[in-house]
Amino acid sequence: MAAAAIRKRPAPGQDPRVHRGKKPRYAFGSIGDYEKLEVLGDGAYGVVIKAHDRRTITLEACCLAACHGHPSIIKIFDVATDAETWDFFLVMELVDGGRTLCEEIWKPLDEDVARRMMRLILDAAKKIHGVGIIHRDIKPENVLVSMFGALKVCDFGSTMRQKPAGVPYEECRVGTMIYTSPEQFAGNRYYGQAMDMWALGCVMDEILAGETLFVGKTEEDMVAEMSKLRDQINSTGKMDGLEFFDELSEAGREVLLGLLAFNPDERLTATEALQHRWFSEPSASVSQRYPGFVNLFS
């Protein structure tokens, strides 16, 4: 929580002691409870300072607590503080192996593997969205993979509670650029949970392709790449030039294109995606071809 703190200076000749030995009428808080951020103004008798209340539990902790118990979301155990510095620390579960999904998809993965991965991540998104939260930075680096194959969505530092319809967010672009939705690049500050679904479409593409969907380094690059992809999909109904797309099942294409719908109102929600037939179709045995993923999808 940001606040403005005013430090009063005593008038010339005034005794700086406030209570003059008497019992104070009010119970004052400690200035040590606040972290000085910046000076907003400096007058003759006081200084206006923007400060952060160190006692406030961060939104990240609150969001993690709201999602507590979901097997594909990192667990939070405690919020601890340093008595000297007043820094806060989130105490979370240790994921054995310490690898991220980004490290696991250094090459294209089979559709069956992608289906099982996406089911777990989409189920985590369903939980996050179900409690009224937008993650705002979903990407493979923010999905941990344990040595036993469990997937855990982590890093809720950019998370926000979803605002009511018609109420804009302060920031237009949040998170990592190559997973940012088209509506954000268009300057729309009224985005919603659909931005997470676009990011999940980028993640699904990355799992299947073994490389990121977009490589733009600047906003101009990203807009150009997105425009090219939109034109391809509108003209051919497919993602041209991607080898995996031609081999993907029809149901798999429907999910991928549903997540990457340029109109956020037409984009699949987490619930809708999980209900798609792609997740109920019979799949070949993964263990025979990818023994390293046996535990991941048991």
Protein backbone atom coordinates (compact mmCIF):
# COMPACT_ATOMS: atom_id res chain seq x y z
CA MET A 1 0.00 0.00 0.00
CA ALA A 2 1.46 3.38 -0.95
CA ALA A 3 0.83 6.33 1.31
CA ALA A 4 1.90 9.90 1.79
CA ALA A 5 3.71 10.50 5.06
CA ILE A 6 4.18 14.04 6.34
CA ARG A 7 7.17 14.69 8.57
CA LYS A 8 6.44 17.82 10.60
CA ARG A 9 9.22 20.20 11.57
CA PRO A 10 8.99 22.14 14.86
CA ALA A 11 8.45 25.86 14.48
CA PRO A 12 11.44 28.08 15.31
CA GLY A 13 11.99 28.05 19.07
CA GLN A 14 9.42 25.30 19.64
CA ASP A 15 10.33 22.41 21.91
CA PRO A 16 10.51 19.34 19.64
CA ARG A 17 9.04 17.18 22.40
CA VAL A 18 5.44 16.44 21.43
CA HIS A 19 3.89 15.18 24.66
CA ARG A 20 5.87 17.23 27.25
CA GLY A 21 5.84 14.32 29.70
CA LYS A 22 2.08 13.80 29.51
CA LYS A 23 0.40 10.59 28.45
CA PRO A 24 -0.35 10.86 24.72
CA ARG A 25 -4.00 11.07 23.75
CA TYR A 26 -3.47 8.83 20.72
CA ALA A 27 -1.48 5.62 20.12
CA PHE A 28 0.85 6.52 17.30
CA GLY A 29 2.35 3.99 14.90
CA SER A 30 6.05 3.70 14.25
CA ILE A 31 7.63 5.44 11.28
CA GLY A 32 9.69 2.26 11.03
CA ASP A 33 6.56 0.58 9.69
CA TYR A 34 6.95 2.57 6.47
CA GLU A 35 9.53 2.35 3.72
CA LYS A 36 10.40 5.73 2.20
CA LEU A 37 9.95 5.68 -1.59
CA GLU A 38 10.29 9.29 -2.72
CA VAL A 39 9.81 12.88 -1.60
CA LEU A 40 6.70 14.37 -3.18
CA GLY A 41 7.02 17.87 -1.78
CA ASP A 42 9.04 19.97 0.67
CA GLY A 43 7.52 22.99 2.43
CA ALA A 44 8.50 25.33 5.22
CA TYR A 45 7.03 23.18 7.97
CA GLY A 46 6.91 19.71 6.55
CA VAL A 47 7.92 17.15 3.96
CA VAL A 48 5.44 15.02 1.98
CA ILE A 49 6.86 11.55 1.39
CA LYS A 50 5.47 8.66 -0.62
CA ALA A 51 5.91 5.52 1.45
CA HIS A 52 5.10 1.80 1.44
CA ASP A 53 3.43 0.23 4.46
CA ARG A 54 5.77 -2.64 5.32
CA ARG A 55 3.04 -4.33 7.36
CA THR A 56 0.76 -4.83 4.38
CA ILE A 57 0.71 -8.37 3.09
CA THR A 58 1.43 -8.21 -0.60
CA LEU A 59 -1.12 -9.00 -3.25
CA GLU A 60 1.12 -11.80 -4.40
CA ALA A 61 0.75 -13.54 -1.04
CA CYS A 62 -3.00 -12.98 -1.03
CA CYS A 63 -3.38 -14.42 -4.52
CA LEU A 64 -1.30 -17.46 -3.67
CA ALA A 65 -3.35 -17.98 -0.54
CA ALA A 66 -6.56 -17.79 -2.57
CA CYS A 67 -5.24 -20.55 -4.85
CA HIS A 68 -3.89 -22.68 -2.00
CA GLY A 69 -4.31 -26.40 -2.40
CA HIS A 70 -4.30 -26.62 -6.19
CA PRO A 71 -1.77 -29.26 -7.29
CA SER A 72 -0.53 -27.19 -10.24
CA ILE A 73 0.00 -23.91 -8.37
CA ILE A 74 2.99 -23.23 -6.14
CA LYS A 75 2.03 -23.40 -2.46
CA ILE A 76 2.63 -20.57 0.00
CA PHE A 77 3.31 -21.55 3.60
CA ASP A 78 4.01 -18.29 5.37
CA VAL A 79 4.83 -14.59 5.12
CA ALA A 80 7.92 -13.79 7.16
CA THR A 81 9.58 -10.48 7.95
CA ASP A 82 13.06 -9.36 8.96
CA ALA A 83 12.80 -7.54 12.29
CA GLU A 84 15.69 -5.23 11.40
CA THR A 85 15.00 -4.34 7.77
CA TRP A 86 11.24 -5.00 7.75
CA ASP A 87 11.62 -6.77 4.43
CA PHE A 88 8.91 -9.32 3.72
CA PHE A 89 9.56 -12.83 2.45
CA LEU A 90 7.14 -15.32 0.94
CA VAL A 91 7.83 -18.83 2.22
CA MET A 92 6.82 -21.27 -0.51
CA GLU A 93 7.20 -24.94 -1.22
CA LEU A 94 10.47 -26.19 -2.65
CA VAL A 95 9.92 -27.87 -5.99
CA ASP A 96 12.42 -30.72 -6.28
CA GLY A 97 14.40 -30.53 -9.47
CA GLY A 98 14.11 -26.77 -9.78
CA ARG A 99 13.62 -26.84 -13.53
CA THR A 100 11.22 -24.68 -15.48
CA LEU A 101 8.97 -25.71 -18.32
CA CYS A 102 11.16 -23.55 -20.57
CA GLU A 103 14.05 -25.94 -19.92
CA GLU A 104 11.88 -28.95 -20.77
CA ILE A 105 10.74 -27.73 -24.18
CA TRP A 106 14.09 -27.14 -25.85
CA LYS A 107 12.82 -29.30 -28.72
CA PRO A 108 9.34 -29.97 -30.19
CA LEU A 109 7.25 -32.28 -28.03
CA ASP A 110 4.64 -34.80 -29.10
CA GLU A 111 1.00 -33.77 -29.23
CA ASP A 112 0.12 -36.27 -26.49
CA VAL A 113 2.71 -34.71 -24.20
CA ALA A 114 1.49 -31.21 -25.08
CA ARG A 115 -2.09 -32.25 -24.32
CA ARG A 116 -1.18 -33.47 -20.85
CA MET A 117 0.95 -30.43 -20.08
CA MET A 118 -1.74 -28.05 -21.25
CA ARG A 119 -4.40 -29.84 -19.22
CA LEU A 120 -2.41 -29.21 -16.04
CA ILE A 121 -1.61 -25.58 -16.82
CA LEU A 122 -5.13 -24.80 -18.00
CA ASP A 123 -6.53 -26.32 -14.82
CA ALA A 124 -4.27 -24.01 -12.82
CA ALA A 125 -5.52 -21.06 -14.91
CA LYS A 126 -9.09 -22.14 -14.27
CA LYS A 127 -8.43 -21.99 -10.52
CA ILE A 128 -6.65 -18.63 -10.74
CA HIS A 129 -9.43 -17.09 -12.83
CA GLY A 130 -12.10 -18.72 -10.69
CA VAL A 131 -11.01 -16.71 -7.66
CA GLY A 132 -11.09 -13.46 -9.65
CA ILE A 133 -7.39 -13.12 -10.41
CA ILE A 134 -5.36 -12.40 -13.55
CA HIS A 135 -1.83 -13.81 -13.49
CA ARG A 136 -0.53 -11.41 -16.17
CA ASP A 137 2.82 -13.16 -16.70
CA ILE A 138 2.12 -16.73 -17.77
CA LYS A 139 5.09 -18.17 -19.65
CA PRO A 140 7.19 -21.38 -19.55
CA GLU A 141 9.71 -19.74 -17.21
CA ASN A 142 6.92 -19.34 -14.66
CA VAL A 143 5.92 -22.99 -14.69
CA LEU A 144 8.11 -25.22 -12.52
CA VAL A 145 8.63 -28.91 -13.30
CA SER A 146 9.46 -31.22 -10.40
CA MET A 147 11.73 -34.24 -10.67
CA PHE A 148 8.56 -36.36 -10.48
CA GLY A 149 6.93 -34.43 -13.32
CA ALA A 150 4.45 -32.19 -11.48
CA LEU A 151 3.83 -28.77 -13.03
CA LYS A 152 3.52 -25.73 -10.77
CA VAL A 153 2.52 -22.25 -11.94
CA CYS A 154 4.56 -19.71 -9.98
CA ASP A 155 5.64 -16.05 -9.84
CA PHE A 156 2.51 -14.11 -8.96
CA GLY A 157 4.41 -10.83 -8.77
CA SER A 158 2.43 -9.27 -11.64
CA THR A 159 -0.91 -10.64 -10.49
CA MET A 160 -3.94 -8.41 -10.13
CA ARG A 161 -7.48 -8.94 -9.01
CA GLN A 162 -9.81 -8.58 -11.97
CA LYS A 163 -11.42 -5.17 -12.10
CA PRO A 164 -15.14 -4.70 -12.74
CA ALA A 165 -16.22 -4.20 -16.35
CA GLY A 166 -15.48 -0.68 -17.53
CA VAL A 167 -12.72 -0.03 -14.98
CA PRO A 168 -9.27 0.28 -16.62
CA TYR A 169 -5.98 -1.03 -15.29
CA GLU A 170 -3.17 1.43 -14.64
CA GLU A 171 -0.73 -0.43 -16.88
CA CYS A 172 -1.49 -1.39 -20.44
CA ARG A 173 1.39 -3.79 -20.94
CA VAL A 174 2.44 -6.07 -18.10
CA GLY A 175 4.62 -9.16 -18.00
CA THR A 176 6.81 -10.50 -20.81
CA MET A 177 6.49 -8.93 -24.25
CA ILE A 178 6.42 -12.06 -26.43
CA TYR A 179 3.47 -13.43 -24.41
CA THR A 180 1.55 -10.15 -24.38
CA SER A 181 -1.92 -10.14 -25.95
CA PRO A 182 -2.90 -8.15 -29.06
CA GLU A 183 -5.39 -6.03 -27.14
CA GLN A 184 -2.64 -4.81 -24.84
CA PHE A 185 -0.43 -3.83 -27.78
CA ALA A 186 -3.46 -1.95 -29.12
CA GLY A 187 -3.42 0.18 -25.96
CA ASN A 188 -6.50 -1.38 -24.38
CA ARG A 189 -6.36 -0.94 -20.60
CA TYR A 190 -9.69 -2.73 -20.18
CA TYR A 191 -8.19 -6.17 -20.72
CA GLY A 192 -9.28 -9.17 -18.68
CA GLN A 193 -8.47 -12.80 -18.04
CA ALA A 194 -8.39 -13.38 -21.79
CA MET A 195 -4.86 -11.96 -21.76
CA ASP A 196 -3.76 -15.03 -19.77
CA MET A 197 -5.45 -17.27 -22.32
CA TRP A 198 -3.48 -15.66 -25.15
CA ALA A 199 -0.28 -16.34 -23.20
CA LEU A 200 -1.38 -19.96 -22.78
CA GLY A 201 -1.83 -20.19 -26.55
CA CYS A 202 1.75 -18.98 -26.95
CA VAL A 203 2.86 -21.60 -24.42
CA MET A 204 1.01 -24.38 -26.25
CA ASP A 205 2.61 -23.33 -29.53
CA GLU A 206 6.03 -23.28 -27.87
CA ILE A 207 5.58 -26.79 -26.46
CA LEU A 208 4.68 -28.13 -29.91
CA ALA A 209 7.24 -26.13 -31.89
CA GLY A 210 10.17 -26.21 -29.48
CA GLU A 211 10.63 -22.47 -29.87
CA THR A 212 8.73 -19.29 -29.05
CA LEU A 213 5.89 -18.19 -31.31
CA PHE A 214 7.16 -14.60 -31.41
CA VAL A 215 10.71 -13.30 -31.32
CA GLY A 216 10.11 -9.53 -31.46
CA LYS A 217 12.47 -7.34 -29.45
CA THR A 218 10.43 -4.17 -29.73
CA GLU A 219 6.75 -3.28 -29.70
CA GLU A 220 6.95 -2.51 -33.42
CA ASP A 221 8.42 -5.95 -34.11
CA MET A 222 5.70 -7.65 -32.10
CA VAL A 223 2.88 -5.77 -33.82
CA ALA A 224 4.33 -6.70 -37.22
CA GLU A 225 4.64 -10.39 -36.26
CA MET A 226 1.12 -10.49 -34.86
CA SER A 227 -0.30 -8.80 -37.96
CA LYS A 228 1.39 -11.41 -40.15
CA LEU A 229 -0.01 -14.26 -38.05
CA ARG A 230 -3.50 -12.74 -38.05
CA ASP A 231 -3.44 -12.41 -41.83
CA GLN A 232 -2.31 -16.02 -42.20
CA ILE A 233 -5.07 -17.35 -39.98
CA ASN A 234 -7.73 -15.18 -41.61
CA SER A 235 -6.72 -16.19 -45.13
CA THR A 236 -5.87 -19.87 -44.74
CA GLY A 237 -7.38 -20.88 -41.39
CA LYS A 238 -4.02 -22.24 -40.29
CA MET A 239 -0.61 -21.19 -39.03
CA ASP A 240 1.52 -21.37 -42.16
CA GLY A 241 5.19 -22.27 -42.03
CA LEU A 242 4.93 -24.25 -38.78
CA GLU A 243 5.73 -27.91 -39.37
CA PHE A 244 4.00 -29.14 -36.24
CA PHE A 245 0.71 -27.46 -37.23
CA ASP A 246 0.30 -29.68 -40.29
CA GLU A 247 0.76 -32.75 -38.09
CA LEU A 248 -1.52 -31.54 -35.32
CA SER A 249 -4.92 -33.17 -34.96
CA GLU A 250 -7.98 -31.18 -35.95
CA ALA A 251 -9.01 -30.95 -32.29
CA GLY A 252 -5.55 -29.73 -31.33
CA ARG A 253 -5.73 -27.04 -33.99
CA GLU A 254 -9.09 -25.90 -32.66
CA VAL A 255 -7.71 -25.45 -29.15
CA LEU A 256 -4.56 -23.66 -30.32
CA LEU A 257 -6.43 -21.28 -32.61
CA GLY A 258 -9.10 -20.79 -29.94
CA LEU A 259 -6.47 -19.66 -27.46
CA LEU A 260 -4.82 -17.44 -30.07
CA ALA A 261 -8.04 -15.76 -31.21
CA PHE A 262 -7.18 -12.11 -31.84
CA ASN A 263 -10.57 -10.96 -30.54
CA PRO A 264 -10.44 -11.47 -26.76
CA ASP A 265 -14.22 -11.97 -26.67
CA GLU A 266 -13.83 -14.97 -28.96
CA ARG A 267 -10.84 -16.45 -27.14
CA LEU A 268 -11.34 -19.70 -25.24
CA THR A 269 -11.60 -19.46 -21.48
CA ALA A 270 -9.76 -21.98 -19.32
CA THR A 271 -13.02 -23.79 -18.60
CA GLU A 272 -14.02 -23.90 -22.26
CA ALA A 273 -10.59 -25.16 -23.30
CA LEU A 274 -10.66 -27.97 -20.74
CA GLN A 275 -14.10 -29.02 -21.96
CA HIS A 276 -12.88 -29.29 -25.56
CA ARG A 277 -12.83 -32.73 -27.14
CA TRP A 278 -9.05 -32.53 -27.52
CA PHE A 279 -8.76 -33.44 -23.85
CA SER A 280 -11.15 -36.38 -24.06
CA GLU A 281 -9.87 -38.05 -27.22
CA PRO A 282 -7.92 -41.30 -26.77
CA SER A 283 -4.17 -40.76 -26.93
CA ALA A 284 -1.29 -43.08 -27.70
CA SER A 285 0.95 -44.31 -24.90
CA VAL A 286 3.42 -41.59 -24.01
CA SER A 287 5.57 -43.87 -21.86
CA GLN A 288 6.65 -45.98 -24.83
CA ARG A 289 8.04 -43.00 -26.74
CA TYR A 290 8.91 -40.58 -23.95
CA PRO A 291 9.90 -42.60 -20.85
CA GLY A 292 11.11 -39.45 -19.13
CA PHE A 293 7.52 -38.18 -18.98
CA VAL A 294 5.97 -41.26 -17.36
CA ASN A 295 5.62 -39.67 -13.92
CA LEU A 296 4.54 -36.35 -15.35
CA PHE A 297 1.31 -37.67 -16.73
CA SER A 298 0.49 -40.70 -14.60
